[in-house]
C-alpha atoms as a PDB file:
ATOM      1  CA  MET A   1     106.873 145.447  85.845  1.00  0.00           C
ATOM      2  CA  THR A   2     103.434 143.883  86.233  1.00  0.00           C
ATOM      3  CA  ALA A   3     102.545 140.370  85.217  1.00  0.00           C
ATOM      4  CA  PRO A   4     100.310 139.933  82.180  1.00  0.00           C
ATOM      5  CA  PRO A   5      96.639 139.497  83.058  1.00  0.00           C
ATOM      6  CA  LEU A   6      95.213 136.031  83.410  1.00  0.00           C
ATOM      7  CA  ARG A   7      93.291 134.843  80.365  1.00  0.00           C
ATOM      8  CA  PRO A   8      89.549 134.367  80.721  1.00  0.00           C
ATOM      9  CA  GLU A   9      88.731 130.798  81.741  1.00  0.00           C
ATOM     10  CA  PHE A  10      92.400 129.785  81.479  1.00  0.00           C
ATOM     11  CA  TRP A  11      91.582 126.882  83.812  1.00  0.00           C
ATOM     12  CA  THR A  12      89.848 125.090  80.942  1.00  0.00           C
ATOM     13  CA  LEU A  13      93.078 124.937  78.932  1.00  0.00           C
ATOM     14  CA  PRO A  14      95.485 121.993  79.020  1.00  0.00           C
ATOM     15  CA  LEU A  15      98.033 122.439  81.805  1.00  0.00           C
ATOM     16  CA  SER A  16     100.862 122.628  79.269  1.00  0.00           C
ATOM     17  CA  ARG A  17      99.395 125.862  77.863  1.00  0.00           C
ATOM     18  CA  LEU A  18      99.195 127.752  81.155  1.00  0.00           C
ATOM     19  CA  THR A  19     101.499 130.656  81.903  1.00  0.00           C
ATOM     20  CA  SER A  20     103.394 130.636  85.211  1.00  0.00           C
ATOM     21  CA  ALA A  21     100.865 133.054  86.710  1.00  0.00           C
ATOM     22  CA  GLU A  22      97.947 130.927  85.530  1.00  0.00           C
ATOM     23  CA  TRP A  23      99.593 127.796  86.921  1.00  0.00           C
ATOM     24  CA  GLU A  24      99.911 129.423  90.344  1.00  0.00           C
ATOM     25  CA  ALA A  25      96.350 130.798  90.194  1.00  0.00           C
ATOM     26  CA  LEU A  26      94.993 127.300  89.581  1.00  0.00           C
ATOM     27  CA  CYS A  27      95.605 126.376  93.232  1.00  0.00           C
ATOM     28  CA  ASP A  28      92.343 126.479  95.188  1.00  0.00           C
ATOM     29  CA  GLY A  29      94.059 127.151  98.528  1.00  0.00           C
ATOM     30  CA  CYS A  30      92.653 124.081 100.277  1.00  0.00           C
ATOM     31  CA  GLY A  31      95.949 123.140 101.965  1.00  0.00           C
ATOM     32  CA  LYS A  32      95.341 119.403 101.514  1.00  0.00           C
ATOM     33  CA  CYS A  33      98.643 118.946  99.696  1.00  0.00           C
ATOM     34  CA  CYS A  34     100.367 120.266 102.832  1.00  0.00           C
ATOM     35  CA  LEU A  35      99.101 117.396 104.952  1.00  0.00           C
ATOM     36  CA  ASN A  36     101.668 114.768 105.780  1.00  0.00           C
ATOM     37  CA  LYS A  37     100.954 111.467 104.115  1.00  0.00           C
ATOM     38  CA  LEU A  38     101.922 107.875 104.715  1.00  0.00           C
ATOM     39  CA  GLU A  39     102.463 105.500 101.829  1.00  0.00           C
ATOM     40  CA  ASP A  40     101.958 101.781 102.268  1.00  0.00           C
ATOM     41  CA  GLU A  41     105.210 100.232 101.021  1.00  0.00           C
ATOM     42  CA  GLU A  42     103.476  97.031  99.913  1.00  0.00           C
ATOM     43  CA  THR A  43     100.459  98.484  98.094  1.00  0.00           C
ATOM     44  CA  GLY A  44     101.611 102.017  97.266  1.00  0.00           C
ATOM     45  CA  GLU A  45      98.371 103.318  98.755  1.00  0.00           C
ATOM     46  CA  VAL A  46      98.648 106.854 100.112  1.00  0.00           C
ATOM     47  CA  HIS A  47      96.975 107.755 103.412  1.00  0.00           C
ATOM     48  CA  PHE A  48      96.434 111.371 104.385  1.00  0.00           C
ATOM     49  CA  THR A  49      96.884 112.454 107.992  1.00  0.00           C
ATOM     50  CA  ASN A  50      95.592 115.537 109.766  1.00  0.00           C
ATOM     51  CA  VAL A  51      99.208 116.416 110.583  1.00  0.00           C
ATOM     52  CA  ALA A  52     100.074 119.577 108.673  1.00  0.00           C
ATOM     53  CA  CYS A  53     103.458 120.652 107.395  1.00  0.00           C
ATOM     54  CA  ARG A  54     105.248 123.024 109.721  1.00  0.00           C
ATOM     55  CA  LEU A  55     104.967 125.772 107.096  1.00  0.00           C
ATOM     56  CA  LEU A  56     101.197 125.626 106.655  1.00  0.00           C
ATOM     57  CA  ASP A  57      99.223 128.574 108.005  1.00  0.00           C
ATOM     58  CA  ALA A  58      96.201 126.785 109.499  1.00  0.00           C
ATOM     59  CA  GLU A  59      93.899 129.775 108.952  1.00  0.00           C
ATOM     60  CA  SER A  60      94.749 130.781 105.376  1.00  0.00           C
ATOM     61  CA  CYS A  61      95.633 127.199 104.318  1.00  0.00           C
ATOM     62  CA  ARG A  62      98.649 128.591 102.466  1.00  0.00           C
ATOM     63  CA  CYS A  63     102.367 128.013 102.853  1.00  0.00           C
ATOM     64  CA  THR A  64     104.043 130.653 105.004  1.00  0.00           C
ATOM     65  CA  GLN A  65     107.318 130.294 103.066  1.00  0.00           C
ATOM     66  CA  TYR A  66     106.028 129.326  99.626  1.00  0.00           C
ATOM     67  CA  ARG A  67     108.890 130.701  97.497  1.00  0.00           C
ATOM     68  CA  THR A  68     111.619 129.238  99.748  1.00  0.00           C
ATOM     69  CA  ARG A  69     109.781 126.189 101.122  1.00  0.00           C
ATOM     70  CA  LYS A  70     112.342 123.653  99.857  1.00  0.00           C
ATOM     71  CA  THR A  71     114.948 125.362 102.044  1.00  0.00           C
ATOM     72  CA  PHE A  72     112.890 124.541 105.137  1.00  0.00           C
ATOM     73  CA  VAL A  73     111.210 121.326 103.945  1.00  0.00           C
ATOM     74  CA  PRO A  74     113.533 119.644 101.412  1.00  0.00           C
ATOM     75  CA  GLU A  75     111.037 116.815 100.828  1.00  0.00           C
ATOM     76  CA  CYS A  76     108.282 119.260  99.788  1.00  0.00           C
ATOM     77  CA  VAL A  77     106.923 118.257  96.396  1.00  0.00           C
ATOM     78  CA  VAL A  78     106.888 121.088  93.873  1.00  0.00           C
ATOM     79  CA  LEU A  79     104.175 120.603  91.287  1.00  0.00           C
ATOM     80  CA  THR A  80     105.226 121.250  87.709  1.00  0.00           C
ATOM     81  CA  LYS A  81     103.392 120.980  84.406  1.00  0.00           C
ATOM     82  CA  GLY A  82     105.694 118.231  83.228  1.00  0.00           C
ATOM     83  CA  GLY A  83     105.739 116.314  86.493  1.00  0.00           C
ATOM     84  CA  ILE A  84     102.108 116.303  87.550  1.00  0.00           C
ATOM     85  CA  ASP A  85     101.538 112.760  86.291  1.00  0.00           C
ATOM     86  CA  LYS A  86     104.303 111.451  88.565  1.00  0.00           C
ATOM     87  CA  VAL A  87     102.684 112.835  91.729  1.00  0.00           C
ATOM     88  CA  ALA A  88      98.955 112.789  90.879  1.00  0.00           C
ATOM     89  CA  TYR A  89      98.452 109.687  93.069  1.00  0.00           C
ATOM     90  CA  TRP A  90      99.636 111.769  96.017  1.00  0.00           C
ATOM     91  CA  LEU A  91      97.215 114.645  95.460  1.00  0.00           C
ATOM     92  CA  PRO A  92      93.699 114.833  96.897  1.00  0.00           C
ATOM     93  CA  GLN A  93      90.847 113.936  94.547  1.00  0.00           C
ATOM     94  CA  THR A  94      89.619 117.548  94.512  1.00  0.00           C
ATOM     95  CA  CYS A  95      92.980 119.102  93.583  1.00  0.00           C
ATOM     96  CA  ALA A  96      92.621 121.442  90.607  1.00  0.00           C
ATOM     97  CA  TYR A  97      95.972 120.318  89.180  1.00  0.00           C
ATOM     98  CA  LYS A  98      94.917 116.692  89.337  1.00  0.00           C
ATOM     99  CA  LEU A  99      91.470 117.415  87.901  1.00  0.00           C
ATOM    100  CA  ARG A 100      92.886 119.380  84.984  1.00  0.00           C
ATOM    101  CA  ALA A 101      95.642 116.813  84.341  1.00  0.00           C
ATOM    102  CA  GLU A 102      92.807 114.294  83.948  1.00  0.00           C
ATOM    103  CA  ASP A 103      90.918 116.762  81.701  1.00  0.00           C
ATOM    104  CA  ARG A 104      88.139 117.120  84.262  1.00  0.00           C
ATOM    105  CA  PRO A 105      86.470 120.429  85.243  1.00  0.00           C
ATOM    106  CA  LEU A 106      87.135 122.307  88.456  1.00  0.00           C
ATOM    107  CA  GLU A 107      84.769 121.877  91.383  1.00  0.00           C
ATOM    108  CA  PRO A 108      81.931 124.462  91.692  1.00  0.00           C
ATOM    109  CA  TRP A 109      83.424 125.742  94.968  1.00  0.00           C
ATOM    110  CA  HIS A 110      86.820 126.452  93.394  1.00  0.00           C
ATOM    111  CA  PRO A 111      87.542 130.188  93.757  1.00  0.00           C
ATOM    112  CA  LEU A 112      88.113 130.527  90.002  1.00  0.00           C
ATOM    113  CA  ILE A 113      84.574 129.242  89.411  1.00  0.00           C
ATOM    114  CA  SER A 114      82.833 130.882  92.376  1.00  0.00           C
ATOM    115  CA  GLY A 115      84.752 134.159  92.233  1.00  0.00           C
ATOM    116  CA  ASP A 116      85.198 133.990  96.004  1.00  0.00           C
ATOM    117  CA  PRO A 117      88.517 132.954  97.618  1.00  0.00           C
ATOM    118  CA  GLU A 118      86.586 131.872 100.730  1.00  0.00           C
ATOM    119  CA  SER A 119      84.359 129.431  98.832  1.00  0.00           C
ATOM    120  CA  VAL A 120      86.811 126.545  99.278  1.00  0.00           C
ATOM    121  CA  HIS A 121      86.568 127.025 103.047  1.00  0.00           C
ATOM    122  CA  ALA A 122      82.805 127.641 103.082  1.00  0.00           C
ATOM    123  CA  ALA A 123      82.318 124.378 101.170  1.00  0.00           C
ATOM    124  CA  GLY A 124      84.322 122.484 103.805  1.00  0.00           C
ATOM    125  CA  GLN A 125      86.947 121.564 101.232  1.00  0.00           C
ATOM    126  CA  SER A 126      89.965 123.068 102.975  1.00  0.00           C
ATOM    127  CA  VAL A 127      91.971 121.955 105.995  1.00  0.00           C
ATOM    128  CA  ARG A 128      90.997 125.065 107.939  1.00  0.00           C
ATOM    129  CA  GLY A 129      90.154 124.205 111.520  1.00  0.00           C
ATOM    130  CA  TRP A 130      91.049 120.511 111.707  1.00  0.00           C
ATOM    131  CA  THR A 131      94.802 120.040 111.413  1.00  0.00           C
ATOM    132  CA  VAL A 132      97.515 119.611 114.001  1.00  0.00           C
ATOM    133  CA  SER A 133     101.049 120.847 113.512  1.00  0.00           C
ATOM    134  CA  GLU A 134     103.818 118.372 112.836  1.00  0.00           C
ATOM    135  CA  PHE A 135     105.623 120.076 115.715  1.00  0.00           C
ATOM    136  CA  THR A 136     103.078 118.536 118.098  1.00  0.00           C
ATOM    137  CA  VAL A 137     102.971 114.969 116.736  1.00  0.00           C
ATOM    138  CA  HIS A 138     106.023 112.727 116.515  1.00  0.00           C
ATOM    139  CA  GLU A 139     106.431 111.117 113.091  1.00  0.00           C
ATOM    140  CA  ASP A 140     106.153 107.654 114.658  1.00  0.00           C
ATOM    141  CA  ASP A 141     102.609 108.590 115.744  1.00  0.00           C
ATOM    142  CA  TRP A 142     101.341 109.866 112.367  1.00  0.00           C
ATOM    143  CA  GLU A 143      99.630 106.527 111.806  1.00  0.00           C
ATOM    144  CA  ASP A 144      97.276 107.458 114.653  1.00  0.00           C
ATOM    145  CA  HIS A 145      96.296 110.564 112.669  1.00  0.00           C
ATOM    146  CA  ILE A 146      95.274 108.935 109.389  1.00  0.00           C
ATOM    147  CA  ILE A 147      92.068 110.407 108.020  1.00  0.00           C
ATOM    148  CA  GLU A 148      89.743 109.159 105.323  1.00  0.00           C
ATOM    149  CA  ASP A 149      91.330 109.736 101.940  1.00  0.00           C
ATOM    150  CA  LEU A 150      90.557 113.127 100.505  1.00  0.00           C
END
């Protein structure tokens, strides 16, 4: 059985009206959500690092075990329509889910806008080429890998 086709310009609809397939298609494939983050306990400020989750494919910027990721990384945050507001502070500023939750348009380089899945990488908006694996950096040293907020 094939999934129903995606509606034209579904990304302009409120998140609550998206089908499961549309929800998944909204991801721009940047991989920024797969970067390990540090949260300041006093201020709540979130700092991104260049240390990528062990499941991130550094070339495609996609999860290698997407459907079963919680089995391997129990702390992985699963974005849901009803829970996006609770984790929006943790998402990068360019995240399509965050933008749409705030009723803002997608970026021009988003593949749904450009029609090209490589446009996110060509625009320098993905993590392709500048991450290190969490296997190579001890968690105590993540502070040394903080990058400017995304």
